[in-house]
């Protein structure tokens, strides 16, 4: 990868980090935000669920509408919208206005992220494309697992406004870097909307979407309650719970990189083994989750596999519809958000009915469904199979 292309991919990675950080970072400061807006934590939770719903709705449509626009202009537009939205949340104490200031940028989330994946892949040769996309996925993982503790620390040690300013600063830096270092990136061969939408006629596309939903549900149906699991099942003290969450995050980032390398070597075999590998981890979690050292080791292994899942999910949809990369990435983002929401909901229901120790069965159930859809996808897939 040339230095010029590497710089572009790094800027895209930072931009994706800022967007995911804006989405997920508020999770760690919801109690402080509830106090700021003088409402309940559950009401403040709309700042998270409202954002996710907007992303799921906009995923298939917004990347399609902006697919013919100059890539640099898209980058500048989206980062500007996120910067403005974050600044509004810094200066206002009105909950409704803050909610609107998050939902509007959320509609632009799929535009930037889907473009970042396709642009990173297009900036290098075909063989290096999975590795370039993996770098962008580092931004996704970092935004999900690094933003939360940083925002929590700033809110606790300085103020909740400082955490919100942190979100805004990332977008400001990426915006300036885009202006200075990213050249004009016009779309030379604009795809007609009809051409892109036609990928929905393929069973391979729908089977890929279903597989992504189940695989993401398998990860986030359990990960959403990792802190509670570490506290109530493993009986770790608060500081060690934080360490466990950070350990998962670091391992997740490593998994993104590993996933890119696996896809360049033998995509089909790696994808086929993935549900079974994650299933083994969940069975071990259920069996040994009450023991602190094995649990932390399993958390690290789980984090690596979860990072690979994220990378493979994007590959599944992209390989099903390579003729419409922006639209395909938008479909991936929608499927991933649906899976995350559904998995968390089912996990919560299982905890309510049987207790937190049984939440891992959310992941196992979703994995079983993913094996079915992945097998059906294989029968219709163009992925070369080993002899």
Protein backbone atom coordinates (compact mmCIF):
# COMPACT_ATOMS: atom_id res chain seq x y z
CA UNK A 1 0.00 0.00 0.00
CA UNK A 2 1.46 3.38 -1.01
CA UNK A 3 1.89 6.15 1.58
CA UNK A 4 -0.83 8.17 -0.15
CA UNK A 5 -3.33 5.34 0.02
CA UNK A 6 -2.33 4.46 3.56
CA UNK A 7 -2.98 8.05 4.66
CA UNK A 8 -6.42 7.95 3.07
CA UNK A 9 -7.27 4.68 4.83
CA UNK A 10 -6.03 6.04 8.17
CA UNK A 11 -8.20 9.15 7.79
CA UNK A 12 -11.18 6.96 6.96
CA UNK A 13 -10.38 4.82 10.01
CA UNK A 14 -10.28 7.91 12.24
CA UNK A 15 -13.54 9.14 10.73
CA UNK A 16 -15.27 5.83 11.40
CA UNK A 17 -13.85 5.83 14.94
CA UNK A 18 -15.37 9.26 15.54
CA UNK A 19 -18.77 8.16 14.24
CA UNK A 20 -18.90 4.91 16.25
CA UNK A 21 -17.53 6.74 19.28
CA UNK A 22 -20.39 9.24 19.01
CA UNK A 23 -22.86 6.36 18.79
CA UNK A 24 -21.51 4.15 21.58
CA UNK A 25 -19.60 6.54 23.83
CA UNK A 26 -22.74 7.85 25.55
CA UNK A 27 -23.40 4.36 27.00
CA UNK A 28 -20.84 5.00 29.72
CA UNK A 29 -22.28 8.39 30.66
CA UNK A 30 -26.03 7.69 30.53
CA UNK A 31 -26.50 8.27 34.30
CA UNK A 32 -24.70 11.63 34.05
CA UNK A 33 -26.76 12.57 30.99
CA UNK A 34 -29.99 11.59 32.78
CA UNK A 35 -29.03 13.92 35.62
CA UNK A 36 -28.13 16.68 33.17
CA UNK A 37 -31.49 16.46 31.41
CA UNK A 38 -33.38 15.74 34.64
CA UNK A 39 -34.96 12.52 33.40
CA UNK A 40 -34.56 8.78 34.02
CA UNK A 41 -31.72 6.59 32.76
CA UNK A 42 -34.23 4.65 30.65
CA UNK A 43 -35.35 7.90 29.00
CA UNK A 44 -31.73 8.91 28.45
CA UNK A 45 -31.27 5.51 26.81
CA UNK A 46 -33.21 6.89 23.84
CA UNK A 47 -29.97 8.66 22.93
CA UNK A 48 -28.57 5.19 22.18
CA UNK A 49 -31.62 3.33 20.84
CA UNK A 50 -32.79 6.32 18.78
CA UNK A 51 -29.38 6.57 17.15
CA UNK A 52 -29.30 2.83 16.38
CA UNK A 53 -32.81 2.90 14.92
CA UNK A 54 -31.88 5.82 12.64
CA UNK A 55 -28.82 3.91 11.41
CA UNK A 56 -30.90 0.79 10.70
CA UNK A 57 -33.48 2.80 8.74
CA UNK A 58 -30.92 4.83 6.79
CA UNK A 59 -28.59 1.91 6.06
CA UNK A 60 -30.07 0.77 2.73
CA UNK A 61 -31.13 4.19 1.44
CA UNK A 62 -28.64 6.92 2.31
CA UNK A 63 -25.52 5.25 0.80
CA UNK A 64 -27.56 4.65 -2.35
CA UNK A 65 -28.60 8.31 -2.63
CA UNK A 66 -25.03 9.58 -2.13
CA UNK A 67 -23.29 6.89 -4.21
CA UNK A 68 -22.65 9.23 -7.15
CA UNK A 69 -21.28 12.16 -5.12
CA UNK A 70 -17.58 13.08 -4.96
CA UNK A 71 -16.12 10.98 -2.14
CA UNK A 72 -14.22 13.86 -0.55
CA UNK A 73 -17.35 16.00 -0.47
CA UNK A 74 -19.20 13.15 1.21
CA UNK A 75 -16.47 12.84 3.82
CA UNK A 76 -16.58 16.57 4.53
CA UNK A 77 -20.38 16.67 4.66
CA UNK A 78 -20.75 13.78 7.09
CA UNK A 79 -17.96 14.90 9.41
CA UNK A 80 -19.44 18.43 9.44
CA UNK A 81 -22.89 17.10 10.34
CA UNK A 82 -21.45 15.02 13.19
CA UNK A 83 -19.33 17.91 14.44
CA UNK A 84 -22.34 20.25 14.48
CA UNK A 85 -24.56 17.65 16.15
CA UNK A 86 -22.02 17.03 18.90
CA UNK A 87 -21.54 20.75 19.49
CA UNK A 88 -25.30 21.14 19.93
CA UNK A 89 -25.31 18.44 22.61
CA UNK A 90 -22.48 20.27 24.40
CA UNK A 91 -24.29 23.61 24.67
CA UNK A 92 -27.91 22.54 25.25
CA UNK A 93 -29.60 21.18 28.36
CA UNK A 94 -32.79 20.34 26.45
CA UNK A 95 -33.23 16.60 26.04
CA UNK A 96 -35.43 16.76 22.95
CA UNK A 97 -32.97 19.00 21.13
CA UNK A 98 -30.08 16.71 22.09
CA UNK A 99 -32.00 13.69 20.82
CA UNK A 100 -32.64 15.42 17.49
CA UNK A 101 -28.97 16.47 17.37
CA UNK A 102 -28.01 12.78 17.58
CA UNK A 103 -30.64 11.30 15.28
CA UNK A 104 -29.89 13.63 12.35
CA UNK A 105 -26.17 12.69 12.24
CA UNK A 106 -27.15 9.03 12.71
CA UNK A 107 -28.90 9.18 9.34
CA UNK A 108 -25.51 10.04 7.78
CA UNK A 109 -23.68 7.27 9.67
CA UNK A 110 -24.24 4.60 6.95
CA UNK A 111 -23.08 6.98 4.21
CA UNK A 112 -19.61 7.46 5.67
CA UNK A 113 -19.08 3.94 6.99
CA UNK A 114 -20.23 2.17 3.83
CA UNK A 115 -18.14 4.55 1.72
CA UNK A 116 -15.12 4.03 4.00
CA UNK A 117 -15.23 0.26 3.49
CA UNK A 118 -15.63 0.45 -0.29
CA UNK A 119 -13.14 3.30 -0.71
CA UNK A 120 -10.50 1.53 1.39
CA UNK A 121 -10.92 -1.61 -0.71
CA UNK A 122 -10.77 0.36 -3.98
CA UNK A 123 -7.62 2.23 -2.95
CA UNK A 124 -5.47 -0.91 -3.09
CA UNK A 125 -5.16 -4.03 -5.21
CA UNK A 126 -7.71 -6.83 -4.97
CA UNK A 127 -5.43 -9.04 -2.89
CA UNK A 128 -4.79 -6.26 -0.34
CA UNK A 129 -8.42 -5.11 -0.13
CA UNK A 130 -9.36 -7.26 2.91
CA UNK A 131 -6.40 -5.87 4.85
CA UNK A 132 -7.30 -2.28 3.96
CA UNK A 133 -10.90 -2.85 5.06
CA UNK A 134 -9.59 -4.44 8.26
CA UNK A 135 -7.82 -1.18 9.10
CA UNK A 136 -11.12 0.65 8.81
CA UNK A 137 -12.67 -1.99 11.06
CA UNK A 138 -10.07 -1.09 13.69
CA UNK A 139 -11.84 2.26 13.84
CA UNK A 140 -15.15 0.47 14.35
CA UNK A 141 -13.80 -1.67 17.18
CA UNK A 142 -11.97 1.21 18.82
CA UNK A 143 -15.08 3.37 18.67
CA UNK A 144 -17.13 0.64 20.33
CA UNK A 145 -14.75 -0.37 23.11
CA UNK A 146 -12.37 2.56 23.66
CA UNK A 147 -14.85 5.44 23.48
CA UNK A 148 -16.94 4.18 26.40
CA UNK A 149 -14.16 4.13 29.06
CA UNK A 150 -12.68 7.42 27.81
CA UNK A 151 -16.06 9.17 27.95
CA UNK A 152 -16.75 7.66 31.38
CA UNK A 153 -13.38 8.86 32.67
CA UNK A 154 -13.86 12.40 31.37
CA UNK A 155 -17.38 12.62 32.77
CA UNK A 156 -16.23 11.38 36.19
CA UNK A 157 -13.01 13.37 36.45
CA UNK A 158 -13.97 16.59 34.63
CA UNK A 159 -17.61 16.90 33.54
CA UNK A 160 -20.16 15.34 31.23
CA UNK A 161 -19.63 18.32 28.90
CA UNK A 162 -15.96 17.34 28.63
CA UNK A 163 -16.98 13.90 27.39
CA UNK A 164 -19.28 15.46 24.79
CA UNK A 165 -16.49 17.82 23.70
CA UNK A 166 -14.25 14.77 23.25
CA UNK A 167 -16.74 13.39 20.72
CA UNK A 168 -16.77 16.69 18.84
CA UNK A 169 -12.97 17.08 18.83
CA UNK A 170 -12.46 13.81 16.95
CA UNK A 171 -14.73 14.97 14.14
CA UNK A 172 -13.01 18.36 14.05
CA UNK A 173 -9.59 16.70 13.65
CA UNK A 174 -10.84 14.34 10.94
CA UNK A 175 -12.55 17.21 9.14
CA UNK A 176 -9.32 19.24 9.06
CA UNK A 177 -7.27 16.21 7.97
CA UNK A 178 -9.74 15.53 5.15
CA UNK A 179 -9.51 19.13 3.93
CA UNK A 180 -5.71 19.13 3.99
CA UNK A 181 -4.74 15.63 2.87
CA UNK A 182 -7.55 14.03 0.87
CA UNK A 183 -7.64 14.90 -2.84
CA UNK A 184 -10.81 15.26 -4.85
CA UNK A 185 -12.33 11.81 -5.33
CA UNK A 186 -14.97 12.02 -8.07
CA UNK A 187 -17.06 9.00 -8.98
CA UNK A 188 -16.11 8.21 -12.58
CA UNK A 189 -18.59 5.39 -13.15
CA UNK A 190 -21.82 6.24 -11.37
CA UNK A 191 -24.07 3.23 -10.88
CA UNK A 192 -27.76 3.68 -11.59
CA UNK A 193 -30.04 3.26 -8.59
CA UNK A 194 -31.87 0.43 -10.34
CA UNK A 195 -28.62 -1.44 -10.96
CA UNK A 196 -27.75 -1.27 -7.28
CA UNK A 197 -31.22 -2.19 -6.02
CA UNK A 198 -31.26 -5.24 -8.29
CA UNK A 199 -28.85 -6.99 -5.92
CA UNK A 200 -31.91 -7.53 -3.70
CA UNK A 201 -33.24 -9.96 -6.29
CA UNK A 202 -30.46 -12.42 -5.44
CA UNK A 203 -31.06 -15.06 -2.79
CA UNK A 204 -27.35 -14.83 -2.00
CA UNK A 205 -27.84 -11.24 -0.81
CA UNK A 206 -30.72 -12.11 1.52
CA UNK A 207 -28.96 -15.18 2.90
CA UNK A 208 -25.90 -13.02 3.58
CA UNK A 209 -28.03 -10.43 5.38
CA UNK A 210 -29.67 -13.15 7.50
CA UNK A 211 -26.28 -14.63 8.37
CA UNK A 212 -24.95 -11.22 9.45
CA UNK A 213 -28.02 -10.65 11.64
CA UNK A 214 -27.56 -13.99 13.41
CA UNK A 215 -23.77 -13.69 13.79
CA UNK A 216 -24.01 -10.16 15.16
CA UNK A 217 -26.82 -11.22 17.49
CA UNK A 218 -24.61 -14.05 18.72
CA UNK A 219 -21.87 -11.59 19.69
CA UNK A 220 -23.86 -8.67 21.08
CA UNK A 221 -26.57 -10.78 22.69
CA UNK A 222 -23.84 -11.82 25.13
CA UNK A 223 -21.37 -8.91 25.02
CA UNK A 224 -24.10 -6.41 25.94
CA UNK A 225 -24.22 -8.06 29.37
CA UNK A 226 -20.53 -8.85 29.81
CA UNK A 227 -20.09 -6.39 32.67
CA UNK A 228 -23.05 -7.90 34.55
CA UNK A 229 -21.77 -11.42 33.83
CA UNK A 230 -18.31 -10.60 35.16
CA UNK A 231 -19.84 -9.06 38.27
CA UNK A 232 -22.55 -11.59 39.16
CA UNK A 233 -21.21 -14.87 37.76
CA UNK A 234 -17.43 -14.43 37.94
CA UNK A 235 -17.75 -12.17 41.04
CA UNK A 236 -15.02 -9.80 39.91
CA UNK A 237 -14.59 -6.46 41.73
CA UNK A 238 -15.43 -3.27 39.82
CA UNK A 239 -11.82 -2.53 38.79
CA UNK A 240 -11.35 -6.01 37.39
CA UNK A 241 -14.62 -5.75 35.46
CA UNK A 242 -13.23 -2.65 33.76
CA UNK A 243 -10.07 -4.57 32.95
CA UNK A 244 -12.14 -7.39 31.45
CA UNK A 245 -14.01 -4.95 29.20
CA UNK A 246 -10.76 -3.35 28.05
CA UNK A 247 -9.26 -6.81 27.46
CA UNK A 248 -12.20 -7.73 25.23
CA UNK A 249 -11.81 -4.46 23.33
CA UNK A 250 -8.09 -4.84 22.67
CA UNK A 251 -8.62 -8.44 21.58
CA UNK A 252 -11.47 -7.32 19.33
CA UNK A 253 -9.19 -4.89 17.51
CA UNK A 254 -6.61 -7.66 17.05
CA UNK A 255 -9.39 -9.87 15.67
CA UNK A 256 -10.17 -7.32 12.96
CA UNK A 257 -6.58 -7.49 11.72
CA UNK A 258 -6.50 -11.29 11.91
CA UNK A 259 -9.81 -11.48 10.06
CA UNK A 260 -8.40 -9.50 7.15
CA UNK A 261 -5.45 -11.86 6.87
CA UNK A 262 -7.66 -14.94 7.02
CA UNK A 263 -9.82 -13.64 4.20
CA UNK A 264 -6.79 -13.20 1.95
CA UNK A 265 -5.72 -16.81 2.53
CA UNK A 266 -8.82 -19.00 2.51
CA UNK A 267 -12.06 -17.06 2.90
CA UNK A 268 -14.47 -19.97 2.55
CA UNK A 269 -12.80 -22.28 5.06
CA UNK A 270 -12.35 -19.49 7.64
CA UNK A 271 -15.98 -18.40 7.39
CA UNK A 272 -17.24 -21.97 7.71
CA UNK A 273 -15.23 -22.53 10.91
CA UNK A 274 -16.25 -19.26 12.56
CA UNK A 275 -19.63 -20.21 14.14
CA UNK A 276 -18.16 -23.41 15.58
CA UNK A 277 -15.16 -21.58 17.06
CA UNK A 278 -17.41 -19.02 18.74
CA UNK A 279 -19.74 -21.79 19.93
CA UNK A 280 -16.88 -23.56 21.69
CA UNK A 281 -15.99 -20.30 23.47
CA UNK A 282 -19.58 -19.86 24.67
CA UNK A 283 -19.77 -23.42 25.99
CA UNK A 284 -16.51 -22.85 27.89
CA UNK A 285 -17.86 -19.54 29.22
CA UNK A 286 -20.96 -21.31 30.52
CA UNK A 287 -18.86 -24.07 32.08
CA UNK A 288 -15.99 -22.06 33.58
CA UNK A 289 -17.41 -18.54 33.79
CA UNK A 290 -17.38 -18.55 37.58
CA UNK A 291 -13.58 -18.84 37.71
CA UNK A 292 -11.79 -15.49 37.31
CA UNK A 293 -8.57 -16.50 35.50
CA UNK A 294 -10.21 -18.85 32.95
CA UNK A 295 -12.94 -16.26 32.42
CA UNK A 296 -10.46 -13.50 31.60
CA UNK A 297 -8.56 -15.80 29.23
CA UNK A 298 -11.81 -16.78 27.54
CA UNK A 299 -12.79 -13.10 27.32
CA UNK A 300 -9.60 -12.40 25.39
CA UNK A 301 -10.21 -15.30 23.01
CA UNK A 302 -13.85 -14.32 22.62
CA UNK A 303 -12.80 -10.75 21.79
CA UNK A 304 -10.49 -11.95 19.02
CA UNK A 305 -13.20 -14.12 17.46
CA UNK A 306 -15.77 -11.32 17.80
CA UNK A 307 -13.41 -9.02 15.88
CA UNK A 308 -13.12 -11.64 13.15
CA UNK A 309 -16.93 -11.91 13.07
CA UNK A 310 -17.24 -8.17 12.36
CA UNK A 311 -14.81 -8.36 9.46
CA UNK A 312 -16.36 -11.52 8.02
CA UNK A 313 -19.87 -10.07 8.27
CA UNK A 314 -18.92 -7.18 6.00
CA UNK A 315 -17.21 -9.59 3.58
CA UNK A 316 -20.29 -11.83 3.40
CA UNK A 317 -22.54 -9.02 2.17
CA UNK A 318 -19.91 -7.42 -0.07
CA UNK A 319 -19.07 -10.71 -1.78
CA UNK A 320 -22.77 -11.26 -2.42
CA UNK A 321 -23.18 -7.90 -4.16
CA UNK A 322 -19.77 -6.69 -5.41
CA UNK A 323 -21.40 -4.80 -8.27
CA UNK A 324 -22.95 -2.29 -5.82
CA UNK A 325 -20.36 -1.74 -3.05
CA UNK A 326 -21.88 1.33 -1.36
CA UNK A 327 -25.37 -0.16 -1.28
CA UNK A 328 -24.01 -3.52 -0.11
CA UNK A 329 -22.14 -1.90 2.76
CA UNK A 330 -25.30 -0.04 3.70
CA UNK A 331 -27.17 -3.35 3.81
CA UNK A 332 -24.38 -4.75 6.00
CA UNK A 333 -24.71 -1.87 8.47
CA UNK A 334 -28.48 -2.31 8.66
CA UNK A 335 -28.16 -6.08 9.20
CA UNK A 336 -25.47 -5.57 11.85
CA UNK A 337 -27.63 -3.06 13.77
CA UNK A 338 -30.69 -5.31 13.56
CA UNK A 339 -28.61 -8.21 14.88
CA UNK A 340 -27.20 -6.11 17.71
CA UNK A 341 -30.64 -4.89 18.78
CA UNK A 342 -32.29 -8.31 18.49
CA UNK A 343 -29.46 -10.06 20.30
CA UNK A 344 -29.51 -7.60 23.19
CA UNK A 345 -33.30 -7.94 23.47
CA UNK A 346 -33.22 -11.75 23.52
CA UNK A 347 -30.29 -11.74 25.95
CA UNK A 348 -32.21 -9.44 28.28
CA UNK A 349 -35.24 -11.72 28.13
CA UNK A 350 -33.13 -14.79 28.96
CA UNK A 351 -31.56 -12.97 31.91
CA UNK A 352 -34.99 -11.99 33.20
CA UNK A 353 -36.25 -15.56 32.93
CA UNK A 354 -33.27 -17.69 33.93
CA UNK A 355 -30.51 -15.42 35.20
CA UNK A 356 -27.38 -13.83 33.79
CA UNK A 357 -25.36 -17.06 33.72
CA UNK A 358 -27.63 -18.34 30.94
CA UNK A 359 -27.14 -15.34 28.66
CA UNK A 360 -24.46 -17.25 26.70
CA UNK A 361 -27.28 -19.40 25.29
CA UNK A 362 -28.40 -16.33 23.38
CA UNK A 363 -25.15 -16.56 21.47
CA UNK A 364 -25.40 -20.33 21.00
CA UNK A 365 -28.97 -20.11 19.67
CA UNK A 366 -28.04 -17.34 17.23
CA UNK A 367 -24.99 -19.31 16.10
CA UNK A 368 -27.15 -22.36 15.36
CA UNK A 369 -29.35 -20.22 13.13
CA UNK A 370 -26.28 -18.72 11.44
CA UNK A 371 -25.02 -22.20 10.57
CA UNK A 372 -28.29 -22.87 8.76
CA UNK A 373 -28.26 -19.63 6.74
CA UNK A 374 -24.53 -19.90 6.08
CA UNK A 375 -24.99 -23.43 4.72
CA UNK A 376 -27.78 -22.22 2.45
CA UNK A 377 -25.58 -19.31 1.38
CA UNK A 378 -22.71 -21.67 0.53
CA UNK A 379 -24.92 -23.58 -1.88
CA UNK A 380 -25.61 -20.38 -3.81
CA UNK A 381 -22.24 -18.71 -3.27
CA UNK A 382 -19.59 -17.90 -5.83
CA UNK A 383 -16.82 -18.09 -3.19
CA UNK A 384 -14.28 -20.61 -4.50
CA UNK A 385 -14.29 -23.80 -2.43
CA UNK A 386 -11.08 -25.70 -1.70
CA UNK A 387 -10.52 -28.92 -3.65
